[in-house]
Amino acid sequence: LSGLDPAQPYFQSTPIEVRLDKSDAEFVDVIHTDSAPTIPYLGFGISPAIGHLDFYPNGGKQMPGCGKNPISQIVDLDGIWEGTRDFVACNHLRSYKYYSDSIIYPDGFLGYSCASYNVFETERCFPCPPEGCPNMGHFADKFKGKIKNNFLKLYLNTGEAKDFALWRYKVTVTLSGKRKVKGYVNIALYGSGGNTRQHQVVKGTLEPDNTYTSFIDVEVNIGTVTKVKFLWNNNMLNPTFPKLGAATIIVQSGENG
């Protein structure tokens, strides 16, 4: 059984006979996309973990792309009806959109087992453990025989619009240069499976010999890394023409470490 943002009003904190529960089937996976409290945030989805695998994409409360301005959302590419529905219940409806995208990307939507979304943003839940990470959506049942815990809460990030699947990498950059400057560093990854757009690794004071680490969720599974593009910019005209380079760049895949 796959629960697509099961309802919160009238169902949360009720006996298991009333709502979806892991005892309802041999395998129950749940996607939580609108689990903020109904009052005052109008969250329509249940927040506790209730299945064998519970996925909380983007933290499970506010989905990227759902904060768009109402006019642009209602005048949607898929028509006024689809746009109006998305404006009213955008977070709630993301669950089935992620699910349908997961059919097209069987290697996408990896969920990382973590205590919370805040912890997921740190290094404590990366990379996937030896048994791998389950895939949110249609292929979640591939993980059926590997569940050890009573409840498994899984976190991941998605794109703002279709296609929603993203792949997580850890990028560690050690800078080289003569002196520190203000600005930002972007990285683009090239691989056997495709290339990514630029993703920001650090913004602020850039200091030579310092090491900066960031997680990036990229829009393509790049496979084997063949090239890394390093770009930096100091955002302003500087008559001294400062130079910065990368002494080392380490790219680690979340999927296989």
C-alpha atoms as a PDB file:
ATOM      1  CA  LEU A   1       0.000   0.000   0.000  1.00  0.00           C
ATOM      2  CA  SER A   2       1.316   3.452  -0.904  1.00  0.00           C
ATOM      3  CA  GLY A   3      -0.070   6.396   1.087  1.00  0.00           C
ATOM      4  CA  LEU A   4       0.054   9.651  -0.889  1.00  0.00           C
ATOM      5  CA  ASP A   5      -0.030  12.318   1.827  1.00  0.00           C
ATOM      6  CA  PRO A   6      -2.741  10.570   3.907  1.00  0.00           C
ATOM      7  CA  ALA A   7      -5.193  13.044   5.428  1.00  0.00           C
ATOM      8  CA  GLN A   8      -4.526  14.790   8.738  1.00  0.00           C
ATOM      9  CA  PRO A   9      -7.936  16.308   9.682  1.00  0.00           C
ATOM     10  CA  TYR A  10     -10.109  13.672  11.437  1.00  0.00           C
ATOM     11  CA  PHE A  11      -7.393  10.997  11.091  1.00  0.00           C
ATOM     12  CA  GLN A  12      -4.244  12.084  12.953  1.00  0.00           C
ATOM     13  CA  SER A  13      -3.916  10.622  16.476  1.00  0.00           C
ATOM     14  CA  THR A  14      -6.861   8.254  15.924  1.00  0.00           C
ATOM     15  CA  PRO A  15      -6.848   4.450  16.495  1.00  0.00           C
ATOM     16  CA  ILE A  16      -5.188   2.394  13.759  1.00  0.00           C
ATOM     17  CA  GLU A  17      -8.565   0.997  12.666  1.00  0.00           C
ATOM     18  CA  VAL A  18      -9.548   4.481  11.497  1.00  0.00           C
ATOM     19  CA  ARG A  19      -6.468   5.554   9.544  1.00  0.00           C
ATOM     20  CA  LEU A  20      -3.702   4.127   7.364  1.00  0.00           C
ATOM     21  CA  ASP A  21      -1.282   1.987   9.382  1.00  0.00           C
ATOM     22  CA  LYS A  22       1.609  -0.393   8.712  1.00  0.00           C
ATOM     23  CA  SER A  23      -0.605  -3.273   9.892  1.00  0.00           C
ATOM     24  CA  ASP A  24      -2.883  -2.712   6.877  1.00  0.00           C
ATOM     25  CA  ALA A  25      -0.610  -4.585   4.450  1.00  0.00           C
ATOM     26  CA  GLU A  26       2.611  -6.573   4.171  1.00  0.00           C
ATOM     27  CA  PHE A  27       4.351  -3.389   3.079  1.00  0.00           C
ATOM     28  CA  VAL A  28       3.153   0.196   3.575  1.00  0.00           C
ATOM     29  CA  ASP A  29       5.118   3.185   2.240  1.00  0.00           C
ATOM     30  CA  VAL A  30       3.999   6.766   2.816  1.00  0.00           C
ATOM     31  CA  ILE A  31       4.893  10.094   1.155  1.00  0.00           C
ATOM     32  CA  HIS A  32       4.298  13.092   3.472  1.00  0.00           C
ATOM     33  CA  THR A  33       4.128  16.412   1.584  1.00  0.00           C
ATOM     34  CA  ASP A  34       1.747  18.621   3.600  1.00  0.00           C
ATOM     35  CA  SER A  35       2.302  17.662   7.232  1.00  0.00           C
ATOM     36  CA  ALA A  36       2.338  21.120   8.856  1.00  0.00           C
ATOM     37  CA  PRO A  37      -0.420  21.431  11.525  1.00  0.00           C
ATOM     38  CA  THR A  38      -3.872  22.028  10.012  1.00  0.00           C
ATOM     39  CA  ILE A  39      -4.323  24.958  12.404  1.00  0.00           C
ATOM     40  CA  PRO A  40      -2.876  27.493  11.706  1.00  0.00           C
ATOM     41  CA  TYR A  41      -0.982  26.293   8.598  1.00  0.00           C
ATOM     42  CA  LEU A  42      -3.746  24.469   6.721  1.00  0.00           C
ATOM     43  CA  GLY A  43      -1.677  21.280   6.450  1.00  0.00           C
ATOM     44  CA  PHE A  44      -3.842  18.539   4.957  1.00  0.00           C
ATOM     45  CA  GLY A  45      -1.436  15.605   5.509  1.00  0.00           C
ATOM     46  CA  ILE A  46      -0.699  13.422   8.519  1.00  0.00           C
ATOM     47  CA  SER A  47       2.718  14.033  10.136  1.00  0.00           C
ATOM     48  CA  PRO A  48       3.637  10.961  12.273  1.00  0.00           C
ATOM     49  CA  ALA A  49       5.407   7.979  10.697  1.00  0.00           C
ATOM     50  CA  ILE A  50       2.700   5.348  10.154  1.00  0.00           C
ATOM     51  CA  GLY A  51       4.149   2.957   7.545  1.00  0.00           C
ATOM     52  CA  HIS A  52       7.142   0.686   7.127  1.00  0.00           C
ATOM     53  CA  LEU A  53       8.837   3.482   5.172  1.00  0.00           C
ATOM     54  CA  ASP A  54       7.831   7.124   5.665  1.00  0.00           C
ATOM     55  CA  PHE A  55       9.281   9.632   3.213  1.00  0.00           C
ATOM     56  CA  TYR A  56       9.407  13.355   4.049  1.00  0.00           C
ATOM     57  CA  PRO A  57      10.538  15.098   0.839  1.00  0.00           C
ATOM     58  CA  ASN A  58      11.860  18.627   1.494  1.00  0.00           C
ATOM     59  CA  GLY A  59      11.026  18.081   5.181  1.00  0.00           C
ATOM     60  CA  GLY A  60       7.428  17.070   4.483  1.00  0.00           C
ATOM     61  CA  LYS A  61       5.763  20.461   5.077  1.00  0.00           C
ATOM     62  CA  GLN A  62       6.496  23.001   2.348  1.00  0.00           C
ATOM     63  CA  MET A  63       7.263  21.806  -1.169  1.00  0.00           C
ATOM     64  CA  PRO A  64       9.524  23.826  -3.521  1.00  0.00           C
ATOM     65  CA  GLY A  65       7.522  25.590  -6.225  1.00  0.00           C
ATOM     66  CA  CYS A  66       4.381  25.795  -4.056  1.00  0.00           C
ATOM     67  CA  GLY A  67       5.139  29.325  -2.851  1.00  0.00           C
ATOM     68  CA  LYS A  68       4.837  30.729  -6.361  1.00  0.00           C
ATOM     69  CA  ASN A  69       2.746  33.801  -6.909  1.00  0.00           C
ATOM     70  CA  PRO A  70      -0.946  32.840  -7.184  1.00  0.00           C
ATOM     71  CA  ILE A  71      -1.452  34.322 -10.653  1.00  0.00           C
ATOM     72  CA  SER A  72       1.422  32.384 -12.222  1.00  0.00           C
ATOM     73  CA  GLN A  73       0.233  29.235 -10.450  1.00  0.00           C
ATOM     74  CA  ILE A  74      -3.411  29.509 -11.577  1.00  0.00           C
ATOM     75  CA  VAL A  75      -2.453  30.307 -15.175  1.00  0.00           C
ATOM     76  CA  ASP A  76      -0.688  26.945 -15.352  1.00  0.00           C
ATOM     77  CA  LEU A  77       0.774  25.207 -18.398  1.00  0.00           C
ATOM     78  CA  ASP A  78      -1.620  22.338 -17.726  1.00  0.00           C
ATOM     79  CA  GLY A  79      -4.668  24.633 -17.711  1.00  0.00           C
ATOM     80  CA  ILE A  80      -6.690  26.811 -15.327  1.00  0.00           C
ATOM     81  CA  TRP A  81      -8.300  23.878 -13.477  1.00  0.00           C
ATOM     82  CA  GLU A  82      -4.948  22.219 -12.749  1.00  0.00           C
ATOM     83  CA  GLY A  83      -3.463  25.589 -11.781  1.00  0.00           C
ATOM     84  CA  THR A  84      -6.317  26.481  -9.412  1.00  0.00           C
ATOM     85  CA  ARG A  85      -6.095  23.089  -7.730  1.00  0.00           C
ATOM     86  CA  ASP A  86      -2.361  23.513  -7.312  1.00  0.00           C
ATOM     87  CA  PHE A  87      -2.815  26.941  -5.777  1.00  0.00           C
ATOM     88  CA  VAL A  88      -5.327  25.663  -3.208  1.00  0.00           C
ATOM     89  CA  ALA A  89      -3.652  22.367  -2.280  1.00  0.00           C
ATOM     90  CA  CYS A  90      -0.213  22.487  -3.913  1.00  0.00           C
ATOM     91  CA  ASN A  91       1.779  20.735  -1.143  1.00  0.00           C
ATOM     92  CA  HIS A  92      -0.879  18.039  -0.711  1.00  0.00           C
ATOM     93  CA  LEU A  93      -1.012  17.272  -4.447  1.00  0.00           C
ATOM     94  CA  ARG A  94       2.769  17.065  -4.821  1.00  0.00           C
ATOM     95  CA  SER A  95       2.633  13.515  -3.401  1.00  0.00           C
ATOM     96  CA  TYR A  96       1.021  11.998  -6.499  1.00  0.00           C
ATOM     97  CA  LYS A  97       3.224  14.074  -8.819  1.00  0.00           C
ATOM     98  CA  TYR A  98       6.354  12.724  -7.099  1.00  0.00           C
ATOM     99  CA  TYR A  99       4.897   9.215  -7.318  1.00  0.00           C
ATOM    100  CA  SER A 100       4.217   9.458 -11.052  1.00  0.00           C
ATOM    101  CA  ASP A 101       7.708  10.902 -11.659  1.00  0.00           C
ATOM    102  CA  SER A 102       9.210   8.011  -9.664  1.00  0.00           C
ATOM    103  CA  ILE A 103       7.919   5.551 -12.288  1.00  0.00           C
ATOM    104  CA  ILE A 104      10.021   7.337 -14.937  1.00  0.00           C
ATOM    105  CA  TYR A 105      13.121   7.567 -12.662  1.00  0.00           C
ATOM    106  CA  PRO A 106      13.571   4.148 -11.008  1.00  0.00           C
ATOM    107  CA  ASP A 107      17.006   5.222  -9.682  1.00  0.00           C
ATOM    108  CA  GLY A 108      15.738   8.600  -8.389  1.00  0.00           C
ATOM    109  CA  PHE A 109      14.148   9.919  -5.184  1.00  0.00           C
ATOM    110  CA  LEU A 110      16.583   8.193  -2.780  1.00  0.00           C
ATOM    111  CA  GLY A 111      15.417   8.626   0.825  1.00  0.00           C
ATOM    112  CA  TYR A 112      18.123   9.043   3.485  1.00  0.00           C
ATOM    113  CA  SER A 113      17.340   7.591   6.910  1.00  0.00           C
ATOM    114  CA  CYS A 114      17.556  10.423   9.432  1.00  0.00           C
ATOM    115  CA  ALA A 115      16.214  11.662  12.760  1.00  0.00           C
ATOM    116  CA  SER A 116      14.881  14.900  11.219  1.00  0.00           C
ATOM    117  CA  TYR A 117      15.126  17.151   8.172  1.00  0.00           C
ATOM    118  CA  ASN A 118      17.547  19.463  10.027  1.00  0.00           C
ATOM    119  CA  VAL A 119      19.890  16.531  10.666  1.00  0.00           C
ATOM    120  CA  PHE A 120      19.542  15.459   7.004  1.00  0.00           C
ATOM    121  CA  GLU A 121      21.111  18.808   6.029  1.00  0.00           C
ATOM    122  CA  THR A 122      24.289  17.813   7.953  1.00  0.00           C
ATOM    123  CA  GLU A 123      26.829  15.038   7.294  1.00  0.00           C
ATOM    124  CA  ARG A 124      25.268  12.620   9.787  1.00  0.00           C
ATOM    125  CA  CYS A 125      22.929  10.915   7.280  1.00  0.00           C
ATOM    126  CA  PHE A 126      25.220  10.757   4.260  1.00  0.00           C
ATOM    127  CA  PRO A 127      25.995   8.665   2.228  1.00  0.00           C
ATOM    128  CA  CYS A 128      23.546   5.738   2.035  1.00  0.00           C
ATOM    129  CA  PRO A 129      24.307   2.814   4.390  1.00  0.00           C
ATOM    130  CA  PRO A 130      25.699  -0.490   2.990  1.00  0.00           C
ATOM    131  CA  GLU A 131      22.183  -1.867   2.356  1.00  0.00           C
ATOM    132  CA  GLY A 132      21.432   1.225   0.262  1.00  0.00           C
ATOM    133  CA  CYS A 133      18.661   3.812   0.459  1.00  0.00           C
ATOM    134  CA  PRO A 134      15.045   3.103  -0.506  1.00  0.00           C
ATOM    135  CA  ASN A 135      13.484   4.917  -3.464  1.00  0.00           C
ATOM    136  CA  MET A 136      10.452   7.058  -2.671  1.00  0.00           C
ATOM    137  CA  GLY A 137       7.415   6.184  -4.772  1.00  0.00           C
ATOM    138  CA  HIS A 138       6.707   3.312  -7.121  1.00  0.00           C
ATOM    139  CA  PHE A 139       9.911   1.371  -6.429  1.00  0.00           C
ATOM    140  CA  ALA A 140       9.880   1.688  -2.611  1.00  0.00           C
ATOM    141  CA  ASP A 141       9.012  -2.029  -2.301  1.00  0.00           C
ATOM    142  CA  LYS A 142      12.481  -2.979  -3.601  1.00  0.00           C
ATOM    143  CA  PHE A 143      13.573  -2.207  -0.016  1.00  0.00           C
ATOM    144  CA  LYS A 144      10.967  -4.508   1.566  1.00  0.00           C
ATOM    145  CA  GLY A 145      13.367  -7.175   2.857  1.00  0.00           C
ATOM    146  CA  LYS A 146      15.889  -4.684   4.295  1.00  0.00           C
ATOM    147  CA  ILE A 147      13.787  -2.901   6.943  1.00  0.00           C
ATOM    148  CA  LYS A 148      15.292  -3.343  10.404  1.00  0.00           C
ATOM    149  CA  ASN A 149      13.684  -0.518  12.413  1.00  0.00           C
ATOM    150  CA  ASN A 150      10.104  -0.267  13.624  1.00  0.00           C
ATOM    151  CA  PHE A 151       9.657   3.006  11.720  1.00  0.00           C
ATOM    152  CA  LEU A 152      12.025   4.354   9.082  1.00  0.00           C
ATOM    153  CA  LYS A 153      11.833   8.115   8.499  1.00  0.00           C
ATOM    154  CA  LEU A 154      13.467   9.110   5.234  1.00  0.00           C
ATOM    155  CA  TYR A 155      14.404  12.547   3.918  1.00  0.00           C
ATOM    156  CA  LEU A 156      15.287  13.888   0.472  1.00  0.00           C
ATOM    157  CA  ASN A 157      14.973  17.017  -1.667  1.00  0.00           C
ATOM    158  CA  THR A 158      13.047  17.410  -4.912  1.00  0.00           C
ATOM    159  CA  GLY A 159      12.914  19.911  -7.751  1.00  0.00           C
ATOM    160  CA  GLU A 160      10.473  22.828  -7.917  1.00  0.00           C
ATOM    161  CA  ALA A 161       8.733  21.554 -11.023  1.00  0.00           C
ATOM    162  CA  LYS A 162       8.615  18.473 -13.197  1.00  0.00           C
ATOM    163  CA  ASP A 163      10.977  16.616 -13.471  1.00  0.00           C
ATOM    164  CA  PHE A 164      11.115  16.374  -9.689  1.00  0.00           C
ATOM    165  CA  ALA A 165      13.890  13.774  -9.187  1.00  0.00           C
ATOM    166  CA  LEU A 166      17.237  15.023  -7.807  1.00  0.00           C
ATOM    167  CA  TRP A 167      20.465  13.179  -6.935  1.00  0.00           C
ATOM    168  CA  ARG A 168      22.493  14.132  -3.858  1.00  0.00           C
ATOM    169  CA  TYR A 169      26.253  14.729  -3.874  1.00  0.00           C
ATOM    170  CA  LYS A 170      28.691  16.030  -1.286  1.00  0.00           C
ATOM    171  CA  VAL A 171      31.231  18.503  -2.673  1.00  0.00           C
ATOM    172  CA  THR A 172      34.373  19.490  -0.752  1.00  0.00           C
ATOM    173  CA  VAL A 173      36.466  22.329  -2.194  1.00  0.00           C
ATOM    174  CA  THR A 174      39.869  23.513  -0.929  1.00  0.00           C
ATOM    175  CA  LEU A 175      40.688  26.953  -2.337  1.00  0.00           C
ATOM    176  CA  SER A 176      44.044  28.248  -3.505  1.00  0.00           C
ATOM    177  CA  GLY A 177      45.125  31.838  -4.013  1.00  0.00           C
ATOM    178  CA  LYS A 178      47.024  34.755  -2.497  1.00  0.00           C
ATOM    179  CA  ARG A 179      44.410  36.465  -0.322  1.00  0.00           C
ATOM    180  CA  LYS A 180      40.810  36.248   0.780  1.00  0.00           C
ATOM    181  CA  VAL A 181      37.977  37.817  -1.203  1.00  0.00           C
ATOM    182  CA  LYS A 182      34.210  38.089  -0.914  1.00  0.00           C
ATOM    183  CA  GLY A 183      32.074  36.225  -3.421  1.00  0.00           C
ATOM    184  CA  TYR A 184      30.717  32.799  -4.253  1.00  0.00           C
ATOM    185  CA  VAL A 185      31.903  29.488  -5.675  1.00  0.00           C
ATOM    186  CA  ASN A 186      29.824  27.413  -8.110  1.00  0.00           C
ATOM    187  CA  ILE A 187      30.412  23.849  -9.245  1.00  0.00           C
ATOM    188  CA  ALA A 188      29.084  21.973 -12.278  1.00  0.00           C
ATOM    189  CA  LEU A 189      29.516  18.200 -12.531  1.00  0.00           C
ATOM    190  CA  TYR A 190      30.084  16.254 -15.732  1.00  0.00           C
ATOM    191  CA  GLY A 191      29.709  12.490 -15.908  1.00  0.00           C
ATOM    192  CA  SER A 192      28.939   9.377 -17.933  1.00  0.00           C
ATOM    193  CA  GLY A 193      25.220   9.848 -17.244  1.00  0.00           C
ATOM    194  CA  GLY A 194      25.014  13.558 -18.088  1.00  0.00           C
ATOM    195  CA  ASN A 195      26.002  17.040 -16.918  1.00  0.00           C
ATOM    196  CA  THR A 196      24.525  19.331 -14.265  1.00  0.00           C
ATOM    197  CA  ARG A 197      23.921  23.062 -14.242  1.00  0.00           C
ATOM    198  CA  GLN A 198      25.960  25.226 -11.846  1.00  0.00           C
ATOM    199  CA  HIS A 199      25.310  24.702  -8.111  1.00  0.00           C
ATOM    200  CA  GLN A 200      26.540  27.027  -5.362  1.00  0.00           C
ATOM    201  CA  VAL A 201      28.955  25.521  -2.842  1.00  0.00           C
ATOM    202  CA  VAL A 202      29.812  28.577  -0.722  1.00  0.00           C
ATOM    203  CA  LYS A 203      28.973  32.273  -0.558  1.00  0.00           C
ATOM    204  CA  GLY A 204      30.657  34.933   1.570  1.00  0.00           C
ATOM    205  CA  THR A 205      34.328  35.225   2.506  1.00  0.00           C
ATOM    206  CA  LEU A 206      36.492  32.957   0.349  1.00  0.00           C
ATOM    207  CA  GLU A 207      39.809  32.225   2.006  1.00  0.00           C
ATOM    208  CA  PRO A 208      42.706  30.426   0.288  1.00  0.00           C
ATOM    209  CA  ASP A 209      43.723  27.085   1.927  1.00  0.00           C
ATOM    210  CA  ASN A 210      40.289  26.868   3.565  1.00  0.00           C
ATOM    211  CA  THR A 211      38.055  23.875   2.842  1.00  0.00           C
ATOM    212  CA  TYR A 212      34.322  24.322   2.170  1.00  0.00           C
ATOM    213  CA  THR A 213      31.798  21.495   2.139  1.00  0.00           C
ATOM    214  CA  SER A 214      28.294  21.563   0.731  1.00  0.00           C
ATOM    215  CA  PHE A 215      25.566  19.149  -0.302  1.00  0.00           C
ATOM    216  CA  ILE A 216      24.108  19.681  -3.740  1.00  0.00           C
ATOM    217  CA  ASP A 217      20.974  18.047  -5.119  1.00  0.00           C
ATOM    218  CA  VAL A 218      21.461  17.866  -8.864  1.00  0.00           C
ATOM    219  CA  GLU A 219      18.965  17.300 -11.642  1.00  0.00           C
ATOM    220  CA  VAL A 220      20.679  14.326 -13.310  1.00  0.00           C
ATOM    221  CA  ASN A 221      22.305  11.095 -12.138  1.00  0.00           C
ATOM    222  CA  ILE A 222      25.769  11.868 -13.508  1.00  0.00           C
ATOM    223  CA  GLY A 223      27.110   8.309 -13.088  1.00  0.00           C
ATOM    224  CA  THR A 224      30.921   8.237 -13.133  1.00  0.00           C
ATOM    225  CA  VAL A 225      32.375  11.738 -12.700  1.00  0.00           C
ATOM    226  CA  THR A 226      34.507  12.714 -15.702  1.00  0.00           C
ATOM    227  CA  LYS A 227      34.991  16.447 -15.108  1.00  0.00           C
ATOM    228  CA  VAL A 228      34.266  19.156 -12.540  1.00  0.00           C
ATOM    229  CA  LYS A 229      33.854  22.796 -13.540  1.00  0.00           C
ATOM    230  CA  PHE A 230      34.888  25.348 -10.878  1.00  0.00           C
ATOM    231  CA  LEU A 231      33.685  28.951 -11.157  1.00  0.00           C
ATOM    232  CA  TRP A 232      34.001  31.804  -8.725  1.00  0.00           C
ATOM    233  CA  ASN A 233      32.815  35.389  -8.817  1.00  0.00           C
ATOM    234  CA  ASN A 234      33.370  38.328  -6.496  1.00  0.00           C
ATOM    235  CA  ASN A 235      30.154  40.140  -7.489  1.00  0.00           C
ATOM    236  CA  MET A 236      31.862  43.491  -7.946  1.00  0.00           C
ATOM    237  CA  LEU A 237      34.506  45.284  -9.927  1.00  0.00           C
ATOM    238  CA  ASN A 238      37.836  44.925  -8.154  1.00  0.00           C
ATOM    239  CA  PRO A 239      40.743  46.921  -9.656  1.00  0.00           C
ATOM    240  CA  THR A 240      43.302  44.526  -8.118  1.00  0.00           C
ATOM    241  CA  PHE A 241      41.935  41.572 -10.154  1.00  0.00           C
ATOM    242  CA  PRO A 242      42.095  38.959  -7.385  1.00  0.00           C
ATOM    243  CA  LYS A 243      42.652  35.355  -8.454  1.00  0.00           C
ATOM    244  CA  LEU A 244      41.234  32.225  -6.853  1.00  0.00           C
ATOM    245  CA  GLY A 245      41.536  28.581  -7.789  1.00  0.00           C
ATOM    246  CA  ALA A 246      40.677  25.156  -6.451  1.00  0.00           C
ATOM    247  CA  ALA A 247      43.562  23.163  -4.968  1.00  0.00           C
ATOM    248  CA  THR A 248      41.333  20.077  -4.642  1.00  0.00           C
ATOM    249  CA  ILE A 249      37.695  19.194  -5.297  1.00  0.00           C
ATOM    250  CA  ILE A 250      36.228  15.989  -3.877  1.00  0.00           C
ATOM    251  CA  VAL A 251      32.829  14.786  -5.140  1.00  0.00           C
ATOM    252  CA  GLN A 252      31.057  12.018  -3.220  1.00  0.00           C
ATOM    253  CA  SER A 253      27.889  10.303  -4.434  1.00  0.00           C
ATOM    254  CA  GLY A 254      25.149   9.808  -1.861  1.00  0.00           C
ATOM    255  CA  GLU A 255      23.979   6.602  -3.524  1.00  0.00           C
ATOM    256  CA  ASN A 256      27.164   4.538  -3.227  1.00  0.00           C
ATOM    257  CA  GLY A 257      29.586   6.707  -1.227  1.00  0.00           C
END
